[in-house]
Amino acid sequence: MSTIHSTVISMRLPVESGKRLKRMARRHGWTASDASARLVEEGLRRAEFAFIDFREAARPAFRAAHWLFGKSQCSCAAIGETQNLWHAT
């Protein structure tokens, strides 16, 4: 995840969380720093937009935004698919 402007923030993670982060980074071909930056960005977006979640998509290294709905927010629909349906009507 390269950005033009960035800031360095140091954090401590529990050992198991660090291992999981590194596993995720390897799986996607990212650095641990890139993986943590993506996860922080997604967490911040979730805090701002409560009914949008990011899920693994069919393509490797791709995460797609999904609408969350229903009483327990268990149901979801890909935002891109929702847009396609909307424009098709």
Protein backbone atom coordinates (compact mmCIF):
# COMPACT_ATOMS: atom_id res chain seq x y z
CA MET A 1 0.00 0.00 0.00
CA SER A 2 2.03 2.92 -1.22
CA THR A 3 0.93 6.43 -0.51
CA ILE A 4 2.48 9.74 -1.45
CA HIS A 5 2.20 11.11 2.06
CA SER A 6 2.59 8.89 5.08
CA THR A 7 3.52 9.02 8.72
CA VAL A 8 5.42 6.53 10.84
CA ILE A 9 3.55 5.20 13.86
CA SER A 10 5.03 2.53 16.07
CA MET A 11 2.77 0.07 17.89
CA ARG A 12 3.09 -3.01 20.03
CA LEU A 13 0.98 -6.06 19.29
CA PRO A 14 0.52 -9.27 21.22
CA VAL A 15 2.82 -11.97 19.81
CA GLU A 16 -0.06 -13.98 18.34
CA SER A 17 -1.49 -10.89 16.61
CA GLY A 18 1.92 -10.17 15.10
CA LYS A 19 2.11 -13.72 13.75
CA ARG A 20 -1.37 -13.46 12.25
CA LEU A 21 -0.50 -10.10 10.67
CA LYS A 22 2.65 -11.54 9.09
CA ARG A 23 0.72 -14.58 7.81
CA MET A 24 -1.88 -12.31 6.23
CA ALA A 25 0.84 -10.16 4.66
CA ARG A 26 2.60 -13.21 3.19
CA ARG A 27 -0.67 -14.61 1.83
CA HIS A 28 -1.29 -11.38 -0.11
CA GLY A 29 2.30 -10.60 -1.04
CA TRP A 30 2.41 -7.49 1.15
CA THR A 31 4.81 -6.33 3.81
CA ALA A 32 3.63 -6.46 7.42
CA SER A 33 3.65 -2.65 7.35
CA ASP A 34 1.38 -2.58 4.28
CA ALA A 35 -0.99 -5.11 5.83
CA SER A 36 -1.25 -3.16 9.07
CA ALA A 37 -1.83 0.11 7.17
CA ARG A 38 -4.67 -1.52 5.19
CA LEU A 39 -6.26 -2.93 8.35
CA VAL A 40 -6.04 0.41 10.16
CA GLU A 41 -7.58 2.19 7.16
CA GLU A 42 -10.42 -0.35 7.03
CA GLY A 43 -10.99 0.01 10.77
CA LEU A 44 -11.19 3.79 10.46
CA ARG A 45 -13.63 3.49 7.55
CA ARG A 46 -15.78 1.06 9.56
CA ALA A 47 -15.89 3.57 12.41
CA GLU A 48 -17.02 6.31 10.00
CA PHE A 49 -19.40 4.18 7.89
CA ALA A 50 -20.93 1.61 10.22
CA PHE A 51 -22.85 -0.36 7.58
CA ILE A 52 -19.95 -1.01 5.21
CA ASP A 53 -17.52 -3.89 5.68
CA PHE A 54 -14.54 -5.09 3.67
CA ARG A 55 -14.39 -8.77 2.74
CA GLU A 56 -11.99 -10.99 0.85
CA ALA A 57 -12.97 -11.16 -2.81
CA ALA A 58 -12.52 -13.86 -5.44
CA ARG A 59 -9.37 -12.29 -6.83
CA PRO A 60 -6.23 -12.61 -4.69
CA ALA A 61 -5.05 -9.42 -2.97
CA PHE A 62 -8.44 -7.80 -3.55
CA ARG A 63 -10.90 -6.78 -0.85
CA ALA A 64 -14.38 -5.63 -1.72
CA ALA A 65 -16.75 -3.33 0.14
CA HIS A 66 -20.08 -4.84 1.21
CA TRP A 67 -23.28 -3.34 2.61
CA LEU A 68 -24.26 -4.83 5.97
CA PHE A 69 -27.96 -5.12 6.69
CA GLY A 70 -30.44 -7.06 8.75
CA LYS A 71 -31.02 -6.98 12.50
CA SER A 72 -27.66 -8.55 13.31
CA GLN A 73 -25.87 -7.18 10.23
CA CYS A 74 -25.18 -10.79 9.16
CA SER A 75 -26.51 -10.27 5.66
CA CYS A 76 -24.42 -8.43 3.13
CA ALA A 77 -24.26 -7.52 -0.54
CA ALA A 78 -21.25 -6.40 -2.52
CA ILE A 79 -21.48 -2.68 -3.16
CA GLY A 80 -20.27 -3.09 -6.75
CA GLU A 81 -22.97 -5.70 -7.43
CA THR A 82 -25.60 -3.44 -5.84
CA GLN A 83 -24.51 -0.59 -8.14
CA ASN A 84 -24.75 -2.88 -11.18
CA LEU A 85 -28.29 -3.92 -10.22
CA TRP A 86 -29.31 -0.31 -9.59
CA HIS A 87 -28.06 0.88 -12.97
CA ALA A 88 -29.61 -2.10 -14.77
CA THR A 89 -33.13 -1.11 -13.67
